[in-house]
Amino acid sequence: AFAIMIRMLVNMEEYVEHLDEICGRKPFQRLYKWDNATDVSCFEPEYDATRPLVDYFARTPEKYLEIYVGKSDNVDHLLGLDHRGKTILQWSLSPRTQSLVIEPETAPWDRRVEAAGRCGEAGYITRFRFSPIIPVKGWREEYAELIELIFARSNPDVISLCAFGWMDVEDTRRCLDFSLLDPEFLAA
């Protein structure tokens, strides 16, 4: 057994009170990211950190908020917010095998796309980041399936790519089952 401790170090209401000052320091900056390293949506709506940020950027001229939804489909708390088209939602997305086998305990690939579709219908700007791209066996067919689903169920503003490559081979071997990989990429 193990314990997980999560520390929240920001009083969002107080932080929002300082956003005019923060945004004023770099008036040319138009996009502000609400965490790009973790899936903040797992704490919502209970933590209620997203709503004050969405409200602030909805009423702030020429400034946009980007929320990294990550590998989640937890978006119901966003659907009724008056974002005025000033909030961008970005999902980390991967195809079938990677989503279901390598990324267990996350929302499956198709549910992430469906969540993005619901958010797009609610007027949000939606984006996907294929991340990390891991060339599993059959990756071409699986990405074709994923791309077809994306355009059948959503209308993304941007799709960006992020290849898996931040670990050396030995570290990767400890966290990834190499038998899942395309033999051509495994050999490389």
N, C-alpha and C. Protein backbone atom coordinates (compact mmCIF):
# COMPACT_ATOMS: atom_id res chain seq x y z
N ALA A 1 0.84 -1.19 0.00
CA ALA A 1 0.00 0.00 0.00
C ALA A 1 0.88 1.24 0.00
N PHE A 2 0.36 2.28 -0.58
CA PHE A 2 1.08 3.54 -0.59
C PHE A 2 0.08 4.68 -0.45
N ALA A 3 0.57 5.82 -0.05
CA ALA A 3 -0.29 6.99 0.12
C ALA A 3 0.12 8.05 -0.89
N ILE A 4 -0.86 8.78 -1.36
CA ILE A 4 -0.61 9.88 -2.28
C ILE A 4 -0.98 11.17 -1.57
N MET A 5 -0.10 12.14 -1.65
CA MET A 5 -0.39 13.44 -1.06
C MET A 5 -0.40 14.47 -2.18
N ILE A 6 -1.43 15.25 -2.22
CA ILE A 6 -1.54 16.31 -3.22
C ILE A 6 -1.58 17.63 -2.47
N ARG A 7 -0.71 18.55 -2.85
CA ARG A 7 -0.67 19.85 -2.20
C ARG A 7 -1.18 20.91 -3.15
N MET A 8 -2.15 21.66 -2.73
CA MET A 8 -2.67 22.79 -3.49
C MET A 8 -2.12 24.04 -2.83
N LEU A 9 -1.34 24.80 -3.55
CA LEU A 9 -0.64 25.93 -2.95
C LEU A 9 -1.15 27.29 -3.42
N VAL A 10 -2.32 27.31 -4.05
CA VAL A 10 -2.82 28.57 -4.57
C VAL A 10 -4.25 28.80 -4.09
N ASN A 11 -4.47 29.96 -3.51
CA ASN A 11 -5.82 30.40 -3.20
C ASN A 11 -6.31 31.10 -4.48
N MET A 12 -7.17 30.42 -5.25
CA MET A 12 -7.53 30.92 -6.58
C MET A 12 -8.22 32.27 -6.54
N GLU A 13 -9.09 32.50 -5.58
CA GLU A 13 -9.77 33.79 -5.52
C GLU A 13 -8.76 34.93 -5.32
N GLU A 14 -7.79 34.70 -4.44
CA GLU A 14 -6.76 35.71 -4.21
C GLU A 14 -5.86 35.87 -5.44
N TYR A 15 -5.54 34.76 -6.08
CA TYR A 15 -4.72 34.80 -7.29
C TYR A 15 -5.43 35.63 -8.38
N VAL A 16 -6.71 35.39 -8.57
CA VAL A 16 -7.47 36.12 -9.60
C VAL A 16 -7.47 37.62 -9.31
N GLU A 17 -7.49 37.99 -8.03
CA GLU A 17 -7.43 39.43 -7.67
C GLU A 17 -6.15 40.08 -8.19
N HIS A 18 -5.10 39.30 -8.43
CA HIS A 18 -3.82 39.84 -8.89
C HIS A 18 -3.60 39.68 -10.39
N LEU A 19 -4.57 39.11 -11.10
CA LEU A 19 -4.36 38.85 -12.52
C LEU A 19 -4.25 40.13 -13.36
N ASP A 20 -4.92 41.20 -13.00
CA ASP A 20 -4.75 42.46 -13.74
C ASP A 20 -3.29 42.90 -13.69
N GLU A 21 -2.71 42.81 -12.51
CA GLU A 21 -1.30 43.18 -12.35
C GLU A 21 -0.40 42.22 -13.13
N ILE A 22 -0.66 40.92 -13.01
CA ILE A 22 0.16 39.92 -13.71
C ILE A 22 0.07 40.11 -15.22
N CYS A 23 -1.14 40.26 -15.73
CA CYS A 23 -1.31 40.45 -17.19
C CYS A 23 -0.72 41.79 -17.64
N GLY A 24 -0.75 42.78 -16.77
CA GLY A 24 -0.20 44.09 -17.11
C GLY A 24 1.31 44.11 -17.25
N ARG A 25 1.99 43.15 -16.67
CA ARG A 25 3.46 43.08 -16.77
C ARG A 25 3.92 42.76 -18.18
N LYS A 26 3.13 42.01 -18.92
CA LYS A 26 3.46 41.63 -20.30
C LYS A 26 2.22 41.90 -21.16
N PRO A 27 1.93 43.15 -21.46
CA PRO A 27 0.68 43.47 -22.16
C PRO A 27 0.55 42.83 -23.54
N PHE A 28 1.67 42.48 -24.15
CA PHE A 28 1.64 41.84 -25.48
C PHE A 28 1.24 40.37 -25.40
N GLN A 29 1.36 39.76 -24.23
CA GLN A 29 1.02 38.35 -24.08
C GLN A 29 -0.50 38.20 -24.08
N ARG A 30 -0.98 37.30 -24.92
CA ARG A 30 -2.43 37.12 -25.05
C ARG A 30 -2.93 35.79 -24.50
N LEU A 31 -2.06 34.79 -24.41
CA LEU A 31 -2.47 33.45 -23.98
C LEU A 31 -1.83 33.12 -22.63
N TYR A 32 -2.68 32.68 -21.70
CA TYR A 32 -2.23 32.28 -20.37
C TYR A 32 -2.66 30.85 -20.14
N LYS A 33 -1.70 30.00 -19.80
CA LYS A 33 -1.99 28.58 -19.59
C LYS A 33 -2.26 28.30 -18.12
N TRP A 34 -3.34 27.56 -17.87
CA TRP A 34 -3.65 27.06 -16.53
C TRP A 34 -3.08 25.66 -16.47
N ASP A 35 -1.85 25.58 -16.09
CA ASP A 35 -1.09 24.35 -15.87
C ASP A 35 -0.97 23.49 -17.12
N ASN A 36 0.24 23.28 -17.54
CA ASN A 36 0.51 22.46 -18.72
C ASN A 36 1.24 21.17 -18.33
N ALA A 37 1.37 20.93 -17.03
CA ALA A 37 2.13 19.77 -16.59
C ALA A 37 1.27 18.70 -15.93
N THR A 38 0.08 19.05 -15.52
CA THR A 38 -0.78 18.06 -14.86
C THR A 38 -2.21 18.26 -15.31
N ASP A 39 -3.01 17.26 -15.08
CA ASP A 39 -4.42 17.31 -15.47
C ASP A 39 -5.22 17.95 -14.34
N VAL A 40 -5.34 19.27 -14.36
CA VAL A 40 -6.03 19.97 -13.28
C VAL A 40 -7.51 19.61 -13.22
N SER A 41 -8.04 19.10 -14.31
CA SER A 41 -9.47 18.77 -14.34
C SER A 41 -9.84 17.68 -13.35
N CYS A 42 -8.88 16.89 -12.88
CA CYS A 42 -9.22 15.83 -11.92
C CYS A 42 -9.67 16.41 -10.58
N PHE A 43 -9.38 17.66 -10.32
CA PHE A 43 -9.76 18.28 -9.05
C PHE A 43 -11.09 19.05 -9.14
N GLU A 44 -11.65 19.07 -10.32
CA GLU A 44 -12.87 19.87 -10.55
C GLU A 44 -14.11 18.98 -10.61
N PRO A 45 -15.23 19.50 -10.20
CA PRO A 45 -15.55 20.86 -9.80
C PRO A 45 -15.32 21.14 -8.30
N GLU A 46 -14.90 20.12 -7.55
CA GLU A 46 -14.79 20.29 -6.10
C GLU A 46 -13.83 21.41 -5.70
N TYR A 47 -12.68 21.50 -6.35
CA TYR A 47 -11.70 22.53 -5.99
C TYR A 47 -12.16 23.91 -6.47
N ASP A 48 -12.90 23.95 -7.53
CA ASP A 48 -13.47 25.19 -8.09
C ASP A 48 -12.39 26.22 -8.42
N ALA A 49 -11.32 25.76 -9.01
CA ALA A 49 -10.25 26.67 -9.42
C ALA A 49 -10.44 27.16 -10.85
N THR A 50 -11.06 26.34 -11.67
CA THR A 50 -11.21 26.69 -13.08
C THR A 50 -12.21 27.82 -13.28
N ARG A 51 -13.34 27.77 -12.61
CA ARG A 51 -14.39 28.77 -12.80
C ARG A 51 -13.90 30.21 -12.62
N PRO A 52 -13.19 30.56 -11.54
CA PRO A 52 -12.75 31.96 -11.41
C PRO A 52 -11.80 32.39 -12.54
N LEU A 53 -10.99 31.47 -13.03
CA LEU A 53 -10.10 31.82 -14.14
C LEU A 53 -10.88 32.04 -15.43
N VAL A 54 -11.82 31.14 -15.71
CA VAL A 54 -12.66 31.30 -16.90
C VAL A 54 -13.42 32.62 -16.83
N ASP A 55 -13.99 32.92 -15.66
CA ASP A 55 -14.72 34.19 -15.49
C ASP A 55 -13.82 35.39 -15.74
N TYR A 56 -12.61 35.37 -15.20
CA TYR A 56 -11.69 36.49 -15.37
C TYR A 56 -11.37 36.72 -16.85
N PHE A 57 -10.97 35.66 -17.54
CA PHE A 57 -10.56 35.83 -18.94
C PHE A 57 -11.74 36.13 -19.85
N ALA A 58 -12.94 35.70 -19.48
CA ALA A 58 -14.13 36.00 -20.28
C ALA A 58 -14.37 37.51 -20.35
N ARG A 59 -14.01 38.23 -19.31
CA ARG A 59 -14.26 39.67 -19.27
C ARG A 59 -13.00 40.52 -19.51
N THR A 60 -11.89 39.87 -19.87
CA THR A 60 -10.63 40.60 -20.07
C THR A 60 -10.34 40.71 -21.57
N PRO A 61 -10.34 41.92 -22.10
CA PRO A 61 -10.12 42.10 -23.55
C PRO A 61 -8.76 41.57 -24.01
N GLU A 62 -8.77 40.90 -25.14
CA GLU A 62 -7.57 40.44 -25.84
C GLU A 62 -6.71 39.44 -25.06
N LYS A 63 -7.26 38.81 -24.04
CA LYS A 63 -6.53 37.80 -23.27
C LYS A 63 -7.33 36.51 -23.32
N TYR A 64 -6.61 35.39 -23.42
CA TYR A 64 -7.24 34.07 -23.50
C TYR A 64 -6.63 33.15 -22.46
N LEU A 65 -7.46 32.25 -21.96
CA LEU A 65 -7.03 31.23 -21.02
C LEU A 65 -6.97 29.91 -21.76
N GLU A 66 -5.89 29.14 -21.54
CA GLU A 66 -5.82 27.78 -22.06
C GLU A 66 -5.77 26.83 -20.88
N ILE A 67 -6.70 25.90 -20.87
CA ILE A 67 -6.75 24.88 -19.82
C ILE A 67 -6.28 23.57 -20.40
N TYR A 68 -5.31 22.98 -19.76
CA TYR A 68 -4.82 21.66 -20.17
C TYR A 68 -5.72 20.62 -19.53
N VAL A 69 -6.64 20.06 -20.30
CA VAL A 69 -7.55 19.04 -19.80
C VAL A 69 -6.82 17.71 -19.67
N GLY A 70 -5.76 17.54 -20.44
CA GLY A 70 -4.93 16.35 -20.34
C GLY A 70 -5.61 15.11 -20.86
N LYS A 71 -5.53 14.06 -20.10
CA LYS A 71 -6.06 12.75 -20.50
C LYS A 71 -7.40 12.50 -19.82
N SER A 72 -8.19 13.53 -19.66
CA SER A 72 -9.44 13.46 -18.92
C SER A 72 -10.64 13.68 -19.83
N ASP A 73 -11.78 13.25 -19.36
CA ASP A 73 -13.06 13.59 -20.00
C ASP A 73 -13.95 14.31 -19.00
N ASN A 74 -13.39 14.79 -17.92
CA ASN A 74 -14.12 15.49 -16.86
C ASN A 74 -14.33 16.94 -17.29
N VAL A 75 -15.43 17.20 -18.00
CA VAL A 75 -15.68 18.54 -18.52
C VAL A 75 -17.05 19.10 -18.16
N ASP A 76 -17.88 18.32 -17.51
CA ASP A 76 -19.24 18.78 -17.24
C ASP A 76 -19.27 20.11 -16.49
N HIS A 77 -18.31 20.32 -15.60
CA HIS A 77 -18.26 21.58 -14.83
C HIS A 77 -17.97 22.79 -15.71
N LEU A 78 -17.46 22.58 -16.92
CA LEU A 78 -17.14 23.68 -17.83
C LEU A 78 -18.32 24.07 -18.72
N LEU A 79 -19.21 23.15 -18.96
CA LEU A 79 -20.22 23.34 -20.00
C LEU A 79 -21.16 24.51 -19.76
N GLY A 80 -21.45 24.84 -18.54
CA GLY A 80 -22.37 25.94 -18.26
C GLY A 80 -21.71 27.28 -17.98
N LEU A 81 -20.40 27.34 -18.06
CA LEU A 81 -19.70 28.60 -17.75
C LEU A 81 -19.81 29.59 -18.91
N ASP A 82 -19.89 30.87 -18.58
CA ASP A 82 -19.95 31.93 -19.59
C ASP A 82 -18.53 32.35 -19.96
N HIS A 83 -17.89 31.57 -20.80
CA HIS A 83 -16.49 31.79 -21.16
C HIS A 83 -16.32 32.81 -22.28
N ARG A 84 -17.39 33.11 -23.00
CA ARG A 84 -17.41 34.10 -24.09
C ARG A 84 -16.37 33.81 -25.18
N GLY A 85 -16.07 32.52 -25.37
CA GLY A 85 -15.11 32.14 -26.41
C GLY A 85 -13.67 32.48 -26.09
N LYS A 86 -13.38 32.77 -24.83
CA LYS A 86 -12.04 33.21 -24.43
C LYS A 86 -11.25 32.12 -23.71
N THR A 87 -11.79 30.90 -23.67
CA THR A 87 -11.09 29.79 -23.03
C THR A 87 -10.84 28.71 -24.07
N ILE A 88 -9.61 28.26 -24.13
CA ILE A 88 -9.16 27.20 -25.03
C ILE A 88 -8.94 25.95 -24.18
N LEU A 89 -9.45 24.83 -24.64
CA LEU A 89 -9.27 23.57 -23.92
C LEU A 89 -8.40 22.64 -24.76
N GLN A 90 -7.37 22.09 -24.14
CA GLN A 90 -6.44 21.21 -24.86
C GLN A 90 -6.35 19.86 -24.19
N TRP A 91 -6.52 18.82 -25.01
CA TRP A 91 -6.42 17.44 -24.54
C TRP A 91 -5.14 16.81 -25.03
N SER A 92 -4.55 15.97 -24.20
CA SER A 92 -3.49 15.07 -24.61
C SER A 92 -4.21 13.83 -25.14
N LEU A 93 -3.87 13.42 -26.34
CA LEU A 93 -4.64 12.38 -26.99
C LEU A 93 -3.72 11.33 -27.59
N SER A 94 -4.16 10.09 -27.50
CA SER A 94 -3.40 8.98 -28.07
C SER A 94 -4.41 7.96 -28.61
N PRO A 95 -3.99 7.13 -29.55
CA PRO A 95 -4.92 6.16 -30.12
C PRO A 95 -5.20 4.97 -29.20
N ARG A 96 -6.00 4.07 -29.71
CA ARG A 96 -6.61 2.97 -28.96
C ARG A 96 -5.64 2.21 -28.04
N THR A 97 -4.63 1.54 -28.58
CA THR A 97 -3.74 0.69 -27.76
C THR A 97 -3.02 1.52 -26.70
N GLN A 98 -2.47 2.63 -27.10
CA GLN A 98 -1.75 3.46 -26.13
C GLN A 98 -2.70 3.94 -25.04
N SER A 99 -3.86 4.41 -25.42
CA SER A 99 -4.82 4.92 -24.46
C SER A 99 -5.28 3.84 -23.48
N LEU A 100 -5.60 2.68 -24.00
CA LEU A 100 -6.19 1.63 -23.15
C LEU A 100 -5.16 0.78 -22.41
N VAL A 101 -3.98 0.55 -23.01
CA VAL A 101 -3.00 -0.35 -22.41
C VAL A 101 -1.88 0.40 -21.70
N ILE A 102 -1.32 1.41 -22.35
CA ILE A 102 -0.17 2.13 -21.78
C ILE A 102 -0.61 3.21 -20.81
N GLU A 103 -1.80 3.76 -21.01
CA GLU A 103 -2.31 4.85 -20.16
C GLU A 103 -3.56 4.41 -19.38
N PRO A 104 -3.47 3.31 -18.63
CA PRO A 104 -4.66 2.89 -17.88
C PRO A 104 -5.01 3.94 -16.83
N GLU A 105 -6.23 3.90 -16.39
CA GLU A 105 -6.71 4.83 -15.36
C GLU A 105 -6.82 6.27 -15.87
N THR A 106 -6.82 6.43 -17.19
CA THR A 106 -7.13 7.72 -17.79
C THR A 106 -8.39 7.53 -18.62
N ALA A 107 -9.01 8.61 -19.02
CA ALA A 107 -10.18 8.48 -19.89
C ALA A 107 -9.73 7.90 -21.23
N PRO A 108 -10.44 6.91 -21.74
CA PRO A 108 -10.05 6.34 -23.04
C PRO A 108 -10.10 7.39 -24.15
N TRP A 109 -9.38 7.08 -25.20
CA TRP A 109 -9.23 7.98 -26.35
C TRP A 109 -10.56 8.50 -26.86
N ASP A 110 -11.56 7.63 -27.04
CA ASP A 110 -12.83 8.04 -27.63
C ASP A 110 -13.62 8.94 -26.68
N ARG A 111 -13.52 8.70 -25.37
CA ARG A 111 -14.23 9.56 -24.42
C ARG A 111 -13.61 10.95 -24.34
N ARG A 112 -12.30 11.05 -24.53
CA ARG A 112 -11.66 12.37 -24.57
C ARG A 112 -12.17 13.15 -25.79
N VAL A 113 -12.25 12.48 -26.94
CA VAL A 113 -12.74 13.15 -28.15
C VAL A 113 -14.20 13.57 -27.97
N GLU A 114 -15.02 12.70 -27.38
CA GLU A 114 -16.42 13.04 -27.13
C GLU A 114 -16.53 14.25 -26.19
N ALA A 115 -15.69 14.31 -25.17
CA ALA A 115 -15.68 15.45 -24.25
C ALA A 115 -15.32 16.73 -25.00
N ALA A 116 -14.34 16.64 -25.88
CA ALA A 116 -13.97 17.82 -26.68
C ALA A 116 -15.12 18.25 -27.57
N GLY A 117 -15.82 17.29 -28.13
CA GLY A 117 -16.98 17.62 -28.96
C GLY A 117 -18.05 18.36 -28.17
N ARG A 118 -18.33 17.91 -26.95
CA ARG A 118 -19.32 18.59 -26.10
C ARG A 118 -18.86 20.01 -25.76
N CYS A 119 -17.56 20.16 -25.51
CA CYS A 119 -17.04 21.49 -25.19
C CYS A 119 -17.10 22.40 -26.42
N GLY A 120 -16.80 21.85 -27.59
CA GLY A 120 -16.92 22.63 -28.81
C GLY A 120 -18.36 23.10 -29.03
N GLU A 121 -19.31 22.22 -28.76
CA GLU A 121 -20.73 22.60 -28.87
C GLU A 121 -21.09 23.70 -27.88
N ALA A 122 -20.37 23.77 -26.76
CA ALA A 122 -20.60 24.82 -25.76
C ALA A 122 -19.81 26.08 -26.09
N GLY A 123 -19.18 26.12 -27.26
CA GLY A 123 -18.50 27.33 -27.72
C GLY A 123 -17.03 27.45 -27.38
N TYR A 124 -16.46 26.45 -26.74
CA TYR A 124 -15.04 26.52 -26.42
C TYR A 124 -14.19 26.27 -27.66
N ILE A 125 -13.01 26.85 -27.69
CA ILE A 125 -11.99 26.52 -28.69
C ILE A 125 -11.34 25.24 -28.19
N THR A 126 -11.26 24.21 -29.03
CA THR A 126 -10.69 22.94 -28.60
C THR A 126 -9.43 22.61 -29.40
N ARG A 127 -8.50 21.97 -28.71
CA ARG A 127 -7.23 21.58 -29.32
C ARG A 127 -6.85 20.19 -28.83
N PHE A 128 -6.09 19.51 -29.67
CA PHE A 128 -5.54 18.21 -29.28
C PHE A 128 -4.03 18.23 -29.43
N ARG A 129 -3.39 17.51 -28.56
CA ARG A 129 -1.95 17.29 -28.66
C ARG A 129 -1.75 15.78 -28.65
N PHE A 130 -1.28 15.23 -29.76
CA PHE A 130 -0.96 13.80 -29.79
C PHE A 130 0.30 13.66 -28.95
N SER A 131 0.13 13.18 -27.72
CA SER A 131 1.24 13.20 -26.79
C SER A 131 1.07 12.16 -25.70
N PRO A 132 2.13 11.42 -25.45
CA PRO A 132 3.31 11.27 -26.31
C PRO A 132 2.99 10.29 -27.44
N ILE A 133 3.59 10.53 -28.57
CA ILE A 133 3.42 9.62 -29.69
C ILE A 133 4.33 8.42 -29.46
N ILE A 134 3.73 7.26 -29.28
CA ILE A 134 4.48 6.02 -29.06
C ILE A 134 4.11 5.07 -30.20
N PRO A 135 5.06 4.69 -31.03
CA PRO A 135 4.74 3.86 -32.20
C PRO A 135 4.51 2.39 -31.82
N VAL A 136 3.29 2.09 -31.38
CA VAL A 136 2.95 0.71 -31.06
C VAL A 136 2.68 -0.03 -32.37
N LYS A 137 2.62 -1.35 -32.29
CA LYS A 137 2.27 -2.14 -33.48
C LYS A 137 0.91 -1.67 -33.99
N GLY A 138 0.82 -1.41 -35.29
CA GLY A 138 -0.43 -0.95 -35.89
C GLY A 138 -0.71 0.53 -35.67
N TRP A 139 0.32 1.30 -35.34
CA TRP A 139 0.11 2.71 -35.01
C TRP A 139 -0.49 3.51 -36.16
N ARG A 140 -0.13 3.20 -37.38
CA ARG A 140 -0.67 3.95 -38.52
C ARG A 140 -2.19 3.80 -38.61
N GLU A 141 -2.65 2.57 -38.49
CA GLU A 141 -4.09 2.31 -38.56
C GLU A 141 -4.82 2.93 -37.36
N GLU A 142 -4.19 2.85 -36.20
CA GLU A 142 -4.83 3.41 -35.01
C GLU A 142 -4.90 4.94 -35.07
N TYR A 143 -3.86 5.57 -35.59
CA TYR A 143 -3.93 7.03 -35.73
C TYR A 143 -4.96 7.42 -36.79
N ALA A 144 -5.09 6.65 -37.86
CA ALA A 144 -6.12 6.92 -38.86
C ALA A 144 -7.50 6.84 -38.21
N GLU A 145 -7.72 5.81 -37.39
CA GLU A 145 -9.00 5.66 -36.69
C GLU A 145 -9.25 6.85 -35.76
N LEU A 146 -8.22 7.27 -35.04
CA LEU A 146 -8.34 8.40 -34.12
C LEU A 146 -8.65 9.69 -34.88
N ILE A 147 -7.95 9.94 -35.95
CA ILE A 147 -8.16 11.17 -36.73
C ILE A 147 -9.57 11.19 -37.33
N GLU A 148 -10.04 10.05 -37.81
CA GLU A 148 -11.42 9.99 -38.32
C GLU A 148 -12.41 10.34 -37.22
N LEU A 149 -12.21 9.79 -36.02
CA LEU A 149 -13.10 10.09 -34.90
C LEU A 149 -13.05 11.57 -34.53
N ILE A 150 -11.86 12.13 -34.49
CA ILE A 150 -11.71 13.54 -34.14
C ILE A 150 -12.58 14.41 -35.04
N PHE A 151 -12.47 14.21 -36.36
CA PHE A 151 -13.19 15.08 -37.28
C PHE A 151 -14.66 14.71 -37.43
N ALA A 152 -15.04 13.52 -36.99
CA ALA A 152 -16.46 13.16 -36.98
C ALA A 152 -17.17 13.74 -35.76
N ARG A 153 -16.44 13.91 -34.65
CA ARG A 153 -17.08 14.30 -33.39
C ARG A 153 -16.67 15.66 -32.84
N SER A 154 -15.67 16.30 -33.47
CA SER A 154 -15.22 17.59 -32.93
C SER A 154 -14.67 18.44 -34.06
N ASN A 155 -14.32 19.66 -33.72
CA ASN A 155 -13.78 20.59 -34.71
C ASN A 155 -12.58 21.31 -34.08
N PRO A 156 -11.44 20.63 -33.99
CA PRO A 156 -10.30 21.23 -33.28
C PRO A 156 -9.70 22.41 -34.03
N ASP A 157 -9.27 23.37 -33.25
CA ASP A 157 -8.58 24.55 -33.76
C ASP A 157 -7.15 24.18 -34.17
N VAL A 158 -6.52 23.31 -33.38
CA VAL A 158 -5.12 22.92 -33.59
C VAL A 158 -4.96 21.47 -33.17
N ILE A 159 -4.11 20.74 -33.90
CA ILE A 159 -3.63 19.43 -33.46
C ILE A 159 -2.11 19.52 -33.51
N SER A 160 -1.47 19.33 -32.38
CA SER A 160 -0.01 19.38 -32.33
C SER A 160 0.54 18.00 -32.03
N LEU A 161 1.82 17.83 -32.27
CA LEU A 161 2.48 16.54 -32.13
C LEU A 161 3.61 16.62 -31.11
N CYS A 162 3.72 15.60 -30.28
CA CYS A 162 4.79 15.52 -29.29
C CYS A 162 5.27 14.07 -29.23
N ALA A 163 6.39 13.80 -29.83
CA ALA A 163 6.92 12.43 -29.86
C ALA A 163 7.51 12.05 -28.50
N PHE A 164 7.39 10.78 -28.15
CA PHE A 164 7.99 10.27 -26.93
C PHE A 164 9.50 10.23 -27.14
N GLY A 165 10.25 10.91 -26.30
CA GLY A 165 11.68 10.93 -26.51
C GLY A 165 12.46 11.57 -25.39
N TRP A 166 11.90 11.68 -24.22
CA TRP A 166 12.58 12.38 -23.13
C TRP A 166 13.25 11.44 -22.14
N MET A 167 13.31 10.15 -22.49
CA MET A 167 13.98 9.18 -21.62
C MET A 167 15.02 8.42 -22.43
N ASP A 168 16.07 7.96 -21.75
CA ASP A 168 16.99 7.08 -22.46
C ASP A 168 16.36 5.69 -22.56
N VAL A 169 16.98 4.80 -23.30
CA VAL A 169 16.40 3.49 -23.59
C VAL A 169 16.16 2.69 -22.32
N GLU A 170 17.11 2.70 -21.39
CA GLU A 170 16.95 1.89 -20.17
C GLU A 170 15.79 2.40 -19.30
N ASP A 171 15.66 3.70 -19.15
CA ASP A 171 14.53 4.24 -18.39
C ASP A 171 13.21 3.90 -19.09
N THR A 172 13.21 3.98 -20.39
CA THR A 172 12.00 3.66 -21.16
C THR A 172 11.63 2.19 -20.98
N ARG A 173 12.62 1.32 -21.02
CA ARG A 173 12.39 -0.11 -20.88
C ARG A 173 11.74 -0.44 -19.52
N ARG A 174 12.08 0.34 -18.49
CA ARG A 174 11.51 0.11 -17.16
C ARG A 174 10.04 0.51 -17.07
N CYS A 175 9.59 1.39 -17.94
CA CYS A 175 8.20 1.86 -17.80
C CYS A 175 7.32 1.53 -19.01
N LEU A 176 7.87 0.91 -20.03
CA LEU A 176 7.10 0.62 -21.24
C LEU A 176 7.38 -0.79 -21.71
N ASP A 177 6.35 -1.53 -22.00
CA ASP A 177 6.47 -2.90 -22.50
C ASP A 177 6.89 -2.84 -23.97
N PHE A 178 8.14 -3.16 -24.23
CA PHE A 178 8.67 -3.06 -25.59
C PHE A 178 8.01 -4.03 -26.56
N SER A 179 7.36 -5.08 -26.07
CA SER A 179 6.68 -6.01 -26.97
C SER A 179 5.48 -5.35 -27.67
N LEU A 180 5.04 -4.20 -27.17
CA LEU A 180 3.94 -3.46 -27.78
C LEU A 180 4.39 -2.62 -28.97
N LEU A 181 5.69 -2.38 -29.10
CA LEU A 181 6.20 -1.43 -30.08
C LEU A 181 6.34 -2.00 -31.47
N ASP A 182 6.20 -1.11 -32.45
CA ASP A 182 6.44 -1.45 -33.85
C ASP A 182 7.90 -1.88 -33.98
N PRO A 183 8.16 -3.06 -34.58
CA PRO A 183 9.53 -3.58 -34.65
C PRO A 183 10.51 -2.63 -35.35
N GLU A 184 10.06 -1.91 -36.34
CA GLU A 184 10.94 -0.96 -37.05
C GLU A 184 11.44 0.12 -36.10
N PHE A 185 10.55 0.67 -35.27
CA PHE A 185 10.94 1.72 -34.33
C PHE A 185 11.72 1.13 -33.17
N LEU A 186 11.38 -0.06 -32.76
CA LEU A 186 12.12 -0.73 -31.69
C LEU A 186 13.57 -0.95 -32.10
N ALA A 187 13.79 -1.37 -33.34
CA ALA A 187 15.15 -1.58 -33.83
C ALA A 187 15.94 -0.28 -33.84
N ALA A 188 15.28 0.80 -34.18
CA ALA A 188 15.97 2.12 -34.21
C ALA A 188 16.34 2.53 -32.80
